[in-house]
Amino acid sequence: MELKDLNKKEMGLRIRARREGLNMTREELAKQMCVSGKFIAGIEYGEKGVSLKNLNKLRQILGVSADYILYGDEAYVSDDEKRRMLSENILGSLSVCSVQQLGCMEQIARLYVEGIVNKE
């Protein structure tokens, strides 16, 4: 069995990306975890580790597995959860767009989906 190394910077990036994908501020996550925003920043920047208790809280709040947080292993994330995560990440990214930009993205998405469906 191969032991995996823990990279706190990459773990922090996954936590931040997931939090942002949920349109959650650092302070909102901190409040749900009963910690400070500064503590969450330390985790996201890879400066701090997490206890098992906080890892469990993160897993539940962010809706991902502990393996995903620790190693980026998506094998433990169901297809439905992956779909939900991807959808939330897409919508989170689009939340800063203007109405005109959203109209363009709608057209792009429609053409993309039509292209995929026609290939199958």
PDB file of N, CA and C in Angstrom:
ATOM      1  N   MET A   1       0.835  -1.179   0.000  1.00  0.00           N
ATOM      2  CA  MET A   1       0.000   0.000   0.000  1.00  0.00           C
ATOM      3  C   MET A   1       0.883   1.247   0.000  1.00  0.00           C
ATOM      4  N   GLU A   2       0.607   2.139  -0.925  1.00  0.00           N
ATOM      5  CA  GLU A   2       1.387   3.369  -1.040  1.00  0.00           C
ATOM      6  C   GLU A   2       0.795   4.449  -0.133  1.00  0.00           C
ATOM      7  N   LEU A   3       1.646   5.061   0.685  1.00  0.00           N
ATOM      8  CA  LEU A   3       1.196   6.137   1.561  1.00  0.00           C
ATOM      9  C   LEU A   3       1.208   7.453   0.785  1.00  0.00           C
ATOM     10  N   LYS A   4       0.140   8.213   0.919  1.00  0.00           N
ATOM     11  CA  LYS A   4       0.031   9.493   0.228  1.00  0.00           C
ATOM     12  C   LYS A   4       0.574  10.601   1.114  1.00  0.00           C
ATOM     13  N   ASP A   5       1.251  11.550   0.498  1.00  0.00           N
ATOM     14  CA  ASP A   5       1.717  12.724   1.226  1.00  0.00           C
ATOM     15  C   ASP A   5       0.585  13.728   1.336  1.00  0.00           C
ATOM     16  N   LEU A   6       0.586  14.465   2.421  1.00  0.00           N
ATOM     17  CA  LEU A   6      -0.413  15.502   2.639  1.00  0.00           C
ATOM     18  C   LEU A   6       0.201  16.847   2.273  1.00  0.00           C
ATOM     19  N   ASN A   7      -0.392  17.526   1.299  1.00  0.00           N
ATOM     20  CA  ASN A   7       0.071  18.837   0.876  1.00  0.00           C
ATOM     21  C   ASN A   7      -0.954  19.856   1.366  1.00  0.00           C
ATOM     22  N   LYS A   8      -0.599  20.590   2.431  1.00  0.00           N
ATOM     23  CA  LYS A   8      -1.557  21.524   3.032  1.00  0.00           C
ATOM     24  C   LYS A   8      -1.932  22.658   2.089  1.00  0.00           C
ATOM     25  N   LYS A   9      -1.019  23.083   1.218  1.00  0.00           N
ATOM     26  CA  LYS A   9      -1.346  24.160   0.269  1.00  0.00           C
ATOM     27  C   LYS A   9      -2.414  23.692  -0.718  1.00  0.00           C
ATOM     28  N   GLU A  10      -2.243  22.490  -1.261  1.00  0.00           N
ATOM     29  CA  GLU A  10      -3.227  21.958  -2.205  1.00  0.00           C
ATOM     30  C   GLU A  10      -4.556  21.690  -1.508  1.00  0.00           C
ATOM     31  N   MET A  11      -4.486  21.200  -0.280  1.00  0.00           N
ATOM     32  CA  MET A  11      -5.700  20.973   0.499  1.00  0.00           C
ATOM     33  C   MET A  11      -6.431  22.311   0.686  1.00  0.00           C
ATOM     34  N   GLY A  12      -5.694  23.340   1.038  1.00  0.00           N
ATOM     35  CA  GLY A  12      -6.285  24.660   1.215  1.00  0.00           C
ATOM     36  C   GLY A  12      -6.913  25.191  -0.057  1.00  0.00           C
ATOM     37  N   LEU A  13      -6.265  24.951  -1.185  1.00  0.00           N
ATOM     38  CA  LEU A  13      -6.815  25.385  -2.472  1.00  0.00           C
ATOM     39  C   LEU A  13      -8.134  24.678  -2.778  1.00  0.00           C
ATOM     40  N   ARG A  14      -8.209  23.380  -2.448  1.00  0.00           N
ATOM     41  CA  ARG A  14      -9.457  22.640  -2.679  1.00  0.00           C
ATOM     42  C   ARG A  14     -10.567  23.172  -1.785  1.00  0.00           C
ATOM     43  N   ILE A  15     -10.233  23.457  -0.534  1.00  0.00           N
ATOM     44  CA  ILE A  15     -11.240  23.990   0.392  1.00  0.00           C
ATOM     45  C   ILE A  15     -11.735  25.339  -0.104  1.00  0.00           C
ATOM     46  N   ARG A  16     -10.804  26.206  -0.492  1.00  0.00           N
ATOM     47  CA  ARG A  16     -11.186  27.540  -0.973  1.00  0.00           C
ATOM     48  C   ARG A  16     -12.048  27.445  -2.236  1.00  0.00           C
ATOM     49  N   ALA A  17     -11.625  26.601  -3.183  1.00  0.00           N
ATOM     50  CA  ALA A  17     -12.373  26.466  -4.433  1.00  0.00           C
ATOM     51  C   ALA A  17     -13.787  25.968  -4.162  1.00  0.00           C
ATOM     52  N   ARG A  18     -13.904  25.010  -3.282  1.00  0.00           N
ATOM     53  CA  ARG A  18     -15.234  24.467  -2.956  1.00  0.00           C
ATOM     54  C   ARG A  18     -16.080  25.513  -2.242  1.00  0.00           C
ATOM     55  N   ARG A  19     -15.477  26.228  -1.302  1.00  0.00           N
ATOM     56  CA  ARG A  19     -16.198  27.290  -0.576  1.00  0.00           C
ATOM     57  C   ARG A  19     -16.689  28.350  -1.556  1.00  0.00           C
ATOM     58  N   GLU A  20     -15.811  28.784  -2.450  1.00  0.00           N
ATOM     59  CA  GLU A  20     -16.193  29.797  -3.430  1.00  0.00           C
ATOM     60  C   GLU A  20     -17.238  29.252  -4.402  1.00  0.00           C
ATOM     61  N   GLY A  21     -17.124  27.967  -4.743  1.00  0.00           N
ATOM     62  CA  GLY A  21     -18.120  27.339  -5.611  1.00  0.00           C
ATOM     63  C   GLY A  21     -19.503  27.329  -4.984  1.00  0.00           C
ATOM     64  N   LEU A  22     -19.541  27.353  -3.669  1.00  0.00           N
ATOM     65  CA  LEU A  22     -20.813  27.399  -2.938  1.00  0.00           C
ATOM     66  C   LEU A  22     -21.241  28.840  -2.652  1.00  0.00           C
ATOM     67  N   ASN A  23     -20.498  29.811  -3.215  1.00  0.00           N
ATOM     68  CA  ASN A  23     -20.762  31.240  -2.971  1.00  0.00           C
ATOM     69  C   ASN A  23     -20.773  31.552  -1.485  1.00  0.00           C
ATOM     70  N   MET A  24     -19.835  30.971  -0.775  1.00  0.00           N
ATOM     71  CA  MET A  24     -19.741  31.142   0.670  1.00  0.00           C
ATOM     72  C   MET A  24     -18.505  31.992   0.973  1.00  0.00           C
ATOM     73  N   THR A  25     -18.663  32.971   1.825  1.00  0.00           N
ATOM     74  CA  THR A  25     -17.506  33.763   2.234  1.00  0.00           C
ATOM     75  C   THR A  25     -16.703  32.990   3.271  1.00  0.00           C
ATOM     76  N   ARG A  26     -15.485  33.429   3.457  1.00  0.00           N
ATOM     77  CA  ARG A  26     -14.629  32.829   4.473  1.00  0.00           C
ATOM     78  C   ARG A  26     -15.271  32.975   5.852  1.00  0.00           C
ATOM     79  N   GLU A  27     -15.878  34.133   6.076  1.00  0.00           N
ATOM     80  CA  GLU A  27     -16.510  34.396   7.370  1.00  0.00           C
ATOM     81  C   GLU A  27     -17.723  33.490   7.598  1.00  0.00           C
ATOM     82  N   GLU A  28     -18.485  33.226   6.536  1.00  0.00           N
ATOM     83  CA  GLU A  28     -19.644  32.335   6.661  1.00  0.00           C
ATOM     84  C   GLU A  28     -19.190  30.918   7.016  1.00  0.00           C
ATOM     85  N   LEU A  29     -18.132  30.450   6.356  1.00  0.00           N
ATOM     86  CA  LEU A  29     -17.606  29.121   6.670  1.00  0.00           C
ATOM     87  C   LEU A  29     -17.085  29.091   8.105  1.00  0.00           C
ATOM     88  N   ALA A  30     -16.370  30.140   8.491  1.00  0.00           N
ATOM     89  CA  ALA A  30     -15.834  30.208   9.849  1.00  0.00           C
ATOM     90  C   ALA A  30     -16.949  30.162  10.882  1.00  0.00           C
ATOM     91  N   LYS A  31     -18.017  30.890  10.627  1.00  0.00           N
ATOM     92  CA  LYS A  31     -19.142  30.916  11.569  1.00  0.00           C
ATOM     93  C   LYS A  31     -19.751  29.532  11.721  1.00  0.00           C
ATOM     94  N   GLN A  32     -19.944  28.823  10.607  1.00  0.00           N
ATOM     95  CA  GLN A  32     -20.523  27.480  10.665  1.00  0.00           C
ATOM     96  C   GLN A  32     -19.609  26.506  11.403  1.00  0.00           C
ATOM     97  N   MET A  33     -18.306  26.760  11.336  1.00  0.00           N
ATOM     98  CA  MET A  33     -17.345  25.867  11.989  1.00  0.00           C
ATOM     99  C   MET A  33     -16.998  26.310  13.407  1.00  0.00           C
ATOM    100  N   CYS A  34     -17.514  27.479  13.823  1.00  0.00           N
ATOM    101  CA  CYS A  34     -17.210  28.039  15.148  1.00  0.00           C
ATOM    102  C   CYS A  34     -15.716  28.334  15.314  1.00  0.00           C
ATOM    103  N   VAL A  35     -15.120  28.889  14.262  1.00  0.00           N
ATOM    104  CA  VAL A  35     -13.726  29.321  14.289  1.00  0.00           C
ATOM    105  C   VAL A  35     -13.658  30.727  13.701  1.00  0.00           C
ATOM    106  N   SER A  36     -12.477  31.324  13.663  1.00  0.00           N
ATOM    107  CA  SER A  36     -12.330  32.672  13.110  1.00  0.00           C
ATOM    108  C   SER A  36     -12.077  32.626  11.601  1.00  0.00           C
ATOM    109  N   GLY A  37     -12.385  33.730  10.944  1.00  0.00           N
ATOM    110  CA  GLY A  37     -12.082  33.851   9.519  1.00  0.00           C
ATOM    111  C   GLY A  37     -10.586  33.754   9.275  1.00  0.00           C
ATOM    112  N   LYS A  38      -9.794  34.261  10.217  1.00  0.00           N
ATOM    113  CA  LYS A  38      -8.336  34.196  10.116  1.00  0.00           C
ATOM    114  C   LYS A  38      -7.873  32.735  10.137  1.00  0.00           C
ATOM    115  N   PHE A  39      -8.513  31.898  10.936  1.00  0.00           N
ATOM    116  CA  PHE A  39      -8.170  30.483  10.994  1.00  0.00           C
ATOM    117  C   PHE A  39      -8.458  29.811   9.646  1.00  0.00           C
ATOM    118  N   ILE A  40      -9.624  30.127   9.059  1.00  0.00           N
ATOM    119  CA  ILE A  40      -9.976  29.568   7.743  1.00  0.00           C
ATOM    120  C   ILE A  40      -8.961  30.025   6.702  1.00  0.00           C
ATOM    121  N   ALA A  41      -8.563  31.304   6.751  1.00  0.00           N
ATOM    122  CA  ALA A  41      -7.553  31.806   5.817  1.00  0.00           C
ATOM    123  C   ALA A  41      -6.256  31.016   5.961  1.00  0.00           C
ATOM    124  N   GLY A  42      -5.855  30.740   7.208  1.00  0.00           N
ATOM    125  CA  GLY A  42      -4.648  29.957   7.437  1.00  0.00           C
ATOM    126  C   GLY A  42      -4.724  28.568   6.834  1.00  0.00           C
ATOM    127  N   ILE A  43      -5.899  27.957   6.922  1.00  0.00           N
ATOM    128  CA  ILE A  43      -6.098  26.639   6.304  1.00  0.00           C
ATOM    129  C   ILE A  43      -6.024  26.759   4.785  1.00  0.00           C
ATOM    130  N   GLU A  44      -6.736  27.751   4.237  1.00  0.00           N
ATOM    131  CA  GLU A  44      -6.782  27.903   2.780  1.00  0.00           C
ATOM    132  C   GLU A  44      -5.424  28.254   2.179  1.00  0.00           C
ATOM    133  N   TYR A  45      -4.591  28.951   2.924  1.00  0.00           N
ATOM    134  CA  TYR A  45      -3.246  29.290   2.442  1.00  0.00           C
ATOM    135  C   TYR A  45      -2.231  28.192   2.746  1.00  0.00           C
ATOM    136  N   GLY A  46      -2.671  27.110   3.376  1.00  0.00           N
ATOM    137  CA  GLY A  46      -1.793  25.994   3.666  1.00  0.00           C
ATOM    138  C   GLY A  46      -0.867  26.248   4.839  1.00  0.00           C
ATOM    139  N   GLU A  47      -1.180  27.253   5.639  1.00  0.00           N
ATOM    140  CA  GLU A  47      -0.348  27.592   6.793  1.00  0.00           C
ATOM    141  C   GLU A  47      -0.750  26.814   8.043  1.00  0.00           C
ATOM    142  N   LYS A  48      -1.968  26.334   8.081  1.00  0.00           N
ATOM    143  CA  LYS A  48      -2.484  25.600   9.240  1.00  0.00           C
ATOM    144  C   LYS A  48      -3.046  24.259   8.793  1.00  0.00           C
ATOM    145  N   GLY A  49      -2.958  23.290   9.693  1.00  0.00           N
ATOM    146  CA  GLY A  49      -3.593  22.003   9.466  1.00  0.00           C
ATOM    147  C   GLY A  49      -4.977  22.015  10.099  1.00  0.00           C
ATOM    148  N   VAL A  50      -5.674  20.907   9.978  1.00  0.00           N
ATOM    149  CA  VAL A  50      -7.000  20.801  10.583  1.00  0.00           C
ATOM    150  C   VAL A  50      -7.054  19.572  11.479  1.00  0.00           C
ATOM    151  N   SER A  51      -7.783  19.700  12.553  1.00  0.00           N
ATOM    152  CA  SER A  51      -8.012  18.566  13.450  1.00  0.00           C
ATOM    153  C   SER A  51      -9.037  17.636  12.800  1.00  0.00           C
ATOM    154  N   LEU A  52      -9.172  16.443  13.331  1.00  0.00           N
ATOM    155  CA  LEU A  52     -10.201  15.525  12.828  1.00  0.00           C
ATOM    156  C   LEU A  52     -11.593  16.136  12.986  1.00  0.00           C
ATOM    157  N   LYS A  53     -11.807  16.816  14.104  1.00  0.00           N
ATOM    158  CA  LYS A  53     -13.098  17.465  14.348  1.00  0.00           C
ATOM    159  C   LYS A  53     -13.395  18.505  13.267  1.00  0.00           C
ATOM    160  N   ASN A  54     -12.406  19.351  12.945  1.00  0.00           N
ATOM    161  CA  ASN A  54     -12.622  20.374  11.917  1.00  0.00           C
ATOM    162  C   ASN A  54     -12.677  19.785  10.512  1.00  0.00           C
ATOM    163  N   LEU A  55     -11.925  18.717  10.269  1.00  0.00           N
ATOM    164  CA  LEU A  55     -12.004  18.034   8.984  1.00  0.00           C
ATOM    165  C   LEU A  55     -13.414  17.490   8.773  1.00  0.00           C
ATOM    166  N   ASN A  56     -13.980  16.919   9.811  1.00  0.00           N
ATOM    167  CA  ASN A  56     -15.341  16.395   9.726  1.00  0.00           C
ATOM    168  C   ASN A  56     -16.343  17.517   9.468  1.00  0.00           C
ATOM    169  N   LYS A  57     -16.160  18.655  10.141  1.00  0.00           N
ATOM    170  CA  LYS A  57     -17.051  19.800   9.905  1.00  0.00           C
ATOM    171  C   LYS A  57     -16.923  20.294   8.466  1.00  0.00           C
ATOM    172  N   LEU A  58     -15.688  20.423   7.988  1.00  0.00           N
ATOM    173  CA  LEU A  58     -15.470  20.878   6.605  1.00  0.00           C
ATOM    174  C   LEU A  58     -16.139  19.936   5.613  1.00  0.00           C
ATOM    175  N   ARG A  59     -15.963  18.654   5.837  1.00  0.00           N
ATOM    176  CA  ARG A  59     -16.540  17.641   4.948  1.00  0.00           C
ATOM    177  C   ARG A  59     -18.050  17.800   4.854  1.00  0.00           C
ATOM    178  N   GLN A  60     -18.684  17.993   5.985  1.00  0.00           N
ATOM    179  CA  GLN A  60     -20.140  18.118   6.000  1.00  0.00           C
ATOM    180  C   GLN A  60     -20.608  19.438   5.381  1.00  0.00           C
ATOM    181  N   ILE A  61     -19.972  20.530   5.764  1.00  0.00           N
ATOM    182  CA  ILE A  61     -20.386  21.845   5.281  1.00  0.00           C
ATOM    183  C   ILE A  61     -20.148  21.986   3.784  1.00  0.00           C
ATOM    184  N   LEU A  62     -19.000  21.499   3.311  1.00  0.00           N
ATOM    185  CA  LEU A  62     -18.662  21.646   1.893  1.00  0.00           C
ATOM    186  C   LEU A  62     -19.252  20.540   1.022  1.00  0.00           C
ATOM    187  N   GLY A  63     -19.776  19.491   1.641  1.00  0.00           N
ATOM    188  CA  GLY A  63     -20.418  18.410   0.887  1.00  0.00           C
ATOM    189  C   GLY A  63     -19.458  17.571   0.074  1.00  0.00           C
ATOM    190  N   VAL A  64     -18.267  17.339   0.610  1.00  0.00           N
ATOM    191  CA  VAL A  64     -17.275  16.513  -0.070  1.00  0.00           C
ATOM    192  C   VAL A  64     -16.728  15.490   0.919  1.00  0.00           C
ATOM    193  N   SER A  65     -15.977  14.533   0.412  1.00  0.00           N
ATOM    194  CA  SER A  65     -15.395  13.517   1.288  1.00  0.00           C
ATOM    195  C   SER A  65     -14.114  14.044   1.933  1.00  0.00           C
ATOM    196  N   ALA A  66     -13.725  13.413   3.024  1.00  0.00           N
ATOM    197  CA  ALA A  66     -12.456  13.752   3.668  1.00  0.00           C
ATOM    198  C   ALA A  66     -11.292  13.467   2.721  1.00  0.00           C
ATOM    199  N   ASP A  67     -11.368  12.381   1.953  1.00  0.00           N
ATOM    200  CA  ASP A  67     -10.316  12.062   0.987  1.00  0.00           C
ATOM    201  C   ASP A  67     -10.182  13.158  -0.062  1.00  0.00           C
ATOM    202  N   TYR A  68     -11.294  13.725  -0.453  1.00  0.00           N
ATOM    203  CA  TYR A  68     -11.223  14.824  -1.425  1.00  0.00           C
ATOM    204  C   TYR A  68     -10.500  16.022  -0.815  1.00  0.00           C
ATOM    205  N   ILE A  69     -10.853  16.386   0.413  1.00  0.00           N
ATOM    206  CA  ILE A  69     -10.209  17.529   1.073  1.00  0.00           C
ATOM    207  C   ILE A  69      -8.711  17.266   1.241  1.00  0.00           C
ATOM    208  N   LEU A  70      -8.372  16.096   1.737  1.00  0.00           N
ATOM    209  CA  LEU A  70      -6.978  15.785   2.043  1.00  0.00           C
ATOM    210  C   LEU A  70      -6.120  15.552   0.809  1.00  0.00           C
ATOM    211  N   TYR A  71      -6.637  14.832  -0.172  1.00  0.00           N
ATOM    212  CA  TYR A  71      -5.817  14.388  -1.293  1.00  0.00           C
ATOM    213  C   TYR A  71      -6.357  14.766  -2.675  1.00  0.00           C
ATOM    214  N   GLY A  72      -7.553  15.323  -2.735  1.00  0.00           N
ATOM    215  CA  GLY A  72      -8.131  15.643  -4.033  1.00  0.00           C
ATOM    216  C   GLY A  72      -8.705  14.422  -4.728  1.00  0.00           C
ATOM    217  N   ASP A  73      -8.873  13.348  -3.988  1.00  0.00           N
ATOM    218  CA  ASP A  73      -9.354  12.087  -4.548  1.00  0.00           C
ATOM    219  C   ASP A  73     -10.858  12.147  -4.754  1.00  0.00           C
ATOM    220  N   GLU A  74     -11.263  12.234  -6.009  1.00  0.00           N
ATOM    221  CA  GLU A  74     -12.684  12.326  -6.318  1.00  0.00           C
ATOM    222  C   GLU A  74     -13.349  10.970  -6.456  1.00  0.00           C
ATOM    223  N   ALA A  75     -12.584   9.899  -6.262  1.00  0.00           N
ATOM    224  CA  ALA A  75     -13.165   8.563  -6.378  1.00  0.00           C
ATOM    225  C   ALA A  75     -14.246   8.338  -5.329  1.00  0.00           C
ATOM    226  N   TYR A  76     -14.175   9.076  -4.232  1.00  0.00           N
ATOM    227  CA  TYR A  76     -15.135   8.905  -3.152  1.00  0.00           C
ATOM    228  C   TYR A  76     -16.293   9.892  -3.237  1.00  0.00           C
ATOM    229  N   VAL A  77     -16.391  10.589  -4.357  1.00  0.00           N
ATOM    230  CA  VAL A  77     -17.484  11.530  -4.572  1.00  0.00           C
ATOM    231  C   VAL A  77     -18.416  10.892  -5.602  1.00  0.00           C
ATOM    232  N   SER A  78     -19.695  10.787  -5.279  1.00  0.00           N
ATOM    233  CA  SER A  78     -20.650  10.168  -6.196  1.00  0.00           C
ATOM    234  C   SER A  78     -20.822  11.030  -7.441  1.00  0.00           C
ATOM    235  N   ASP A  79     -21.309  10.428  -8.513  1.00  0.00           N
ATOM    236  CA  ASP A  79     -21.555  11.181  -9.741  1.00  0.00           C
ATOM    237  C   ASP A  79     -22.564  12.300  -9.508  1.00  0.00           C
ATOM    238  N   ASP A  80     -23.589  12.032  -8.697  1.00  0.00           N
ATOM    239  CA  ASP A  80     -24.570  13.080  -8.389  1.00  0.00           C
ATOM    240  C   ASP A  80     -23.911  14.238  -7.656  1.00  0.00           C
ATOM    241  N   GLU A  81     -23.020  13.918  -6.724  1.00  0.00           N
ATOM    242  CA  GLU A  81     -22.314  14.961  -5.975  1.00  0.00           C
ATOM    243  C   GLU A  81     -21.364  15.723  -6.894  1.00  0.00           C
ATOM    244  N   LYS A  82     -20.671  15.007  -7.779  1.00  0.00           N
ATOM    245  CA  LYS A  82     -19.786  15.674  -8.741  1.00  0.00           C
ATOM    246  C   LYS A  82     -20.588  16.628  -9.620  1.00  0.00           C
ATOM    247  N   ARG A  83     -21.761  16.166 -10.079  1.00  0.00           N
ATOM    248  CA  ARG A  83     -22.623  17.008 -10.912  1.00  0.00           C
ATOM    249  C   ARG A  83     -23.043  18.251 -10.148  1.00  0.00           C
ATOM    250  N   ARG A  84     -23.434  18.073  -8.893  1.00  0.00           N
ATOM    251  CA  ARG A  84     -23.851  19.206  -8.070  1.00  0.00           C
ATOM    252  C   ARG A  84     -22.691  20.178  -7.850  1.00  0.00           C
ATOM    253  N   MET A  85     -21.507  19.632  -7.550  1.00  0.00           N
ATOM    254  CA  MET A  85     -20.334  20.477  -7.322  1.00  0.00           C
ATOM    255  C   MET A  85     -19.977  21.272  -8.575  1.00  0.00           C
ATOM    256  N   LEU A  86     -19.969  20.596  -9.707  1.00  0.00           N
ATOM    257  CA  LEU A  86     -19.643  21.274 -10.961  1.00  0.00           C
ATOM    258  C   LEU A  86     -20.662  22.355 -11.290  1.00  0.00           C
ATOM    259  N   SER A  87     -21.935  22.035 -11.104  1.00  0.00           N
ATOM    260  CA  SER A  87     -22.989  23.022 -11.364  1.00  0.00           C
ATOM    261  C   SER A  87     -22.833  24.240 -10.470  1.00  0.00           C
ATOM    262  N   GLU A  88     -22.566  24.007  -9.188  1.00  0.00           N
ATOM    263  CA  GLU A  88     -22.385  25.119  -8.252  1.00  0.00           C
ATOM    264  C   GLU A  88     -21.154  25.934  -8.593  1.00  0.00           C
ATOM    265  N   ASN A  89     -20.082  25.271  -9.019  1.00  0.00           N
ATOM    266  CA  ASN A  89     -18.869  25.989  -9.405  1.00  0.00           C
ATOM    267  C   ASN A  89     -19.111  26.852 -10.639  1.00  0.00           C
ATOM    268  N   ILE A  90     -19.846  26.308 -11.606  1.00  0.00           N
ATOM    269  CA  ILE A  90     -20.167  27.070 -12.816  1.00  0.00           C
ATOM    270  C   ILE A  90     -21.028  28.272 -12.458  1.00  0.00           C
ATOM    271  N   LEU A  91     -22.086  28.034 -11.687  1.00  0.00           N
ATOM    272  CA  LEU A  91     -22.973  29.133 -11.305  1.00  0.00           C
ATOM    273  C   LEU A  91     -22.243  30.172 -10.460  1.00  0.00           C
ATOM    274  N   GLY A  92     -21.365  29.722  -9.591  1.00  0.00           N
ATOM    275  CA  GLY A  92     -20.589  30.658  -8.787  1.00  0.00           C
ATOM    276  C   GLY A  92     -19.719  31.545  -9.653  1.00  0.00           C
ATOM    277  N   SER A  93     -19.098  30.958 -10.667  1.00  0.00           N
ATOM    278  CA  SER A  93     -18.261  31.729 -11.583  1.00  0.00           C
ATOM    279  C   SER A  93     -19.082  32.747 -12.366  1.00  0.00           C
ATOM    280  N   LEU A  94     -20.289  32.369 -12.724  1.00  0.00           N
ATOM    281  CA  LEU A  94     -21.136  33.247 -13.532  1.00  0.00           C
ATOM    282  C   LEU A  94     -21.814  34.339 -12.714  1.00  0.00           C
ATOM    283  N   SER A  95     -21.772  34.233 -11.408  1.00  0.00           N
ATOM    284  CA  SER A  95     -22.498  35.195 -10.570  1.00  0.00           C
ATOM    285  C   SER A  95     -21.960  36.618 -10.697  1.00  0.00           C
ATOM    286  N   VAL A  96     -20.756  36.777 -11.202  1.00  0.00           N
ATOM    287  CA  VAL A  96     -20.181  38.120 -11.351  1.00  0.00           C
ATOM    288  C   VAL A  96     -20.442  38.714 -12.736  1.00  0.00           C
ATOM    289  N   CYS A  97     -21.093  37.957 -13.606  1.00  0.00           N
ATOM    290  CA  CYS A  97     -21.334  38.406 -14.983  1.00  0.00           C
ATOM    291  C   CYS A  97     -22.538  39.341 -15.068  1.00  0.00           C
ATOM    292  N   SER A  98     -22.475  40.233 -16.059  1.00  0.00           N
ATOM    293  CA  SER A  98     -23.607  41.119 -16.340  1.00  0.00           C
ATOM    294  C   SER A  98     -24.681  40.321 -17.076  1.00  0.00           C
ATOM    295  N   VAL A  99     -25.837  40.926 -17.228  1.00  0.00           N
ATOM    296  CA  VAL A  99     -26.931  40.266 -17.949  1.00  0.00           C
ATOM    297  C   VAL A  99     -26.501  39.968 -19.387  1.00  0.00           C
ATOM    298  N   GLN A 100     -25.818  40.910 -20.012  1.00  0.00           N
ATOM    299  CA  GLN A 100     -25.355  40.709 -21.389  1.00  0.00           C
ATOM    300  C   GLN A 100     -24.357  39.549 -21.457  1.00  0.00           C
ATOM    301  N   GLN A 101     -23.424  39.500 -20.514  1.00  0.00           N
ATOM    302  CA  GLN A 101     -22.448  38.412 -20.484  1.00  0.00           C
ATOM    303  C   GLN A 101     -23.124  37.065 -20.241  1.00  0.00           C
ATOM    304  N   LEU A 102     -24.124  37.050 -19.372  1.00  0.00           N
ATOM    305  CA  LEU A 102     -24.864  35.811 -19.122  1.00  0.00           C
ATOM    306  C   LEU A 102     -25.594  35.345 -20.378  1.00  0.00           C
ATOM    307  N   GLY A 103     -26.127  36.292 -21.146  1.00  0.00           N
ATOM    308  CA  GLY A 103     -26.776  35.935 -22.409  1.00  0.00           C
ATOM    309  C   GLY A 103     -25.800  35.260 -23.355  1.00  0.00           C
ATOM    310  N   CYS A 104     -24.593  35.780 -23.432  1.00  0.00           N
ATOM    311  CA  CYS A 104     -23.558  35.159 -24.270  1.00  0.00           C
ATOM    312  C   CYS A 104     -23.215  33.759 -23.769  1.00  0.00           C
ATOM    313  N   MET A 105     -23.081  33.620 -22.459  1.00  0.00           N
ATOM    314  CA  MET A 105     -22.760  32.308 -21.893  1.00  0.00           C
ATOM    315  C   MET A 105     -23.877  31.303 -22.139  1.00  0.00           C
ATOM    316  N   GLU A 106     -25.119  31.768 -22.103  1.00  0.00           N
ATOM    317  CA  GLU A 106     -26.243  30.880 -22.389  1.00  0.00           C
ATOM    318  C   GLU A 106     -26.140  30.348 -23.814  1.00  0.00           C
ATOM    319  N   GLN A 107     -25.815  31.224 -24.755  1.00  0.00           N
ATOM    320  CA  GLN A 107     -25.669  30.794 -26.148  1.00  0.00           C
ATOM    321  C   GLN A 107     -24.509  29.810 -26.299  1.00  0.00           C
ATOM    322  N   ILE A 108     -23.401  30.111 -25.645  1.00  0.00           N
ATOM    323  CA  ILE A 108     -22.239  29.220 -25.708  1.00  0.00           C
ATOM    324  C   ILE A 108     -22.595  27.842 -25.139  1.00  0.00           C
ATOM    325  N   ALA A 109     -23.254  27.838 -23.991  1.00  0.00           N
ATOM    326  CA  ALA A 109     -23.631  26.567 -23.363  1.00  0.00           C
ATOM    327  C   ALA A 109     -24.576  25.781 -24.260  1.00  0.00           C
ATOM    328  N   ARG A 110     -25.555  26.462 -24.840  1.00  0.00           N
ATOM    329  CA  ARG A 110     -26.518  25.783 -25.717  1.00  0.00           C
ATOM    330  C   ARG A 110     -25.803  25.163 -26.916  1.00  0.00           C
ATOM    331  N   LEU A 111     -24.904  25.901 -27.557  1.00  0.00           N
ATOM    332  CA  LEU A 111     -24.173  25.383 -28.710  1.00  0.00           C
ATOM    333  C   LEU A 111     -23.269  24.215 -28.304  1.00  0.00           C
ATOM    334  N   TYR A 112     -22.644  24.330 -27.152  1.00  0.00           N
ATOM    335  CA  TYR A 112     -21.776  23.269 -26.664  1.00  0.00           C
ATOM    336  C   TYR A 112     -22.567  21.987 -26.433  1.00  0.00           C
ATOM    337  N   VAL A 113     -23.700  22.092 -25.755  1.00  0.00           N
ATOM    338  CA  VAL A 113     -24.521  20.912 -25.466  1.00  0.00           C
ATOM    339  C   VAL A 113     -25.052  20.312 -26.764  1.00  0.00           C
ATOM    340  N   GLU A 114     -25.502  21.141 -27.684  1.00  0.00           N
ATOM    341  CA  GLU A 114     -25.980  20.630 -28.976  1.00  0.00           C
ATOM    342  C   GLU A 114     -24.869  19.878 -29.701  1.00  0.00           C
ATOM    343  N   GLY A 115     -23.629  20.388 -29.637  1.00  0.00           N
ATOM    344  CA  GLY A 115     -22.496  19.737 -30.277  1.00  0.00           C
ATOM    345  C   GLY A 115     -22.197  18.373 -29.658  1.00  0.00           C
ATOM    346  N   ILE A 116     -22.312  18.278 -28.357  1.00  0.00           N
ATOM    347  CA  ILE A 116     -22.070  17.011 -27.664  1.00  0.00           C
ATOM    348  C   ILE A 116     -23.151  16.000 -28.012  1.00  0.00           C
ATOM    349  N   VAL A 117     -24.409  16.436 -27.970  1.00  0.00           N
ATOM    350  CA  VAL A 117     -25.530  15.546 -28.242  1.00  0.00           C
ATOM    351  C   VAL A 117     -25.458  15.034 -29.680  1.00  0.00           C
ATOM    352  N   ASN A 118     -25.096  15.874 -30.607  1.00  0.00           N
ATOM    353  CA  ASN A 118     -25.013  15.460 -32.010  1.00  0.00           C
ATOM    354  C   ASN A 118     -23.877  14.480 -32.268  1.00  0.00           C
ATOM    355  N   LYS A 119     -22.808  14.516 -31.456  1.00  0.00           N
ATOM    356  CA  LYS A 119     -21.692  13.588 -31.613  1.00  0.00           C
ATOM    357  C   LYS A 119     -22.059  12.195 -31.110  1.00  0.00           C
ATOM    358  N   GLU A 120     -22.988  12.124 -30.149  1.00  0.00           N
ATOM    359  CA  GLU A 120     -23.369  10.815 -29.596  1.00  0.00           C
ATOM    360  C   GLU A 120     -24.366  10.212 -30.514  1.00  0.00           C
TER     361      GLU A 120
END
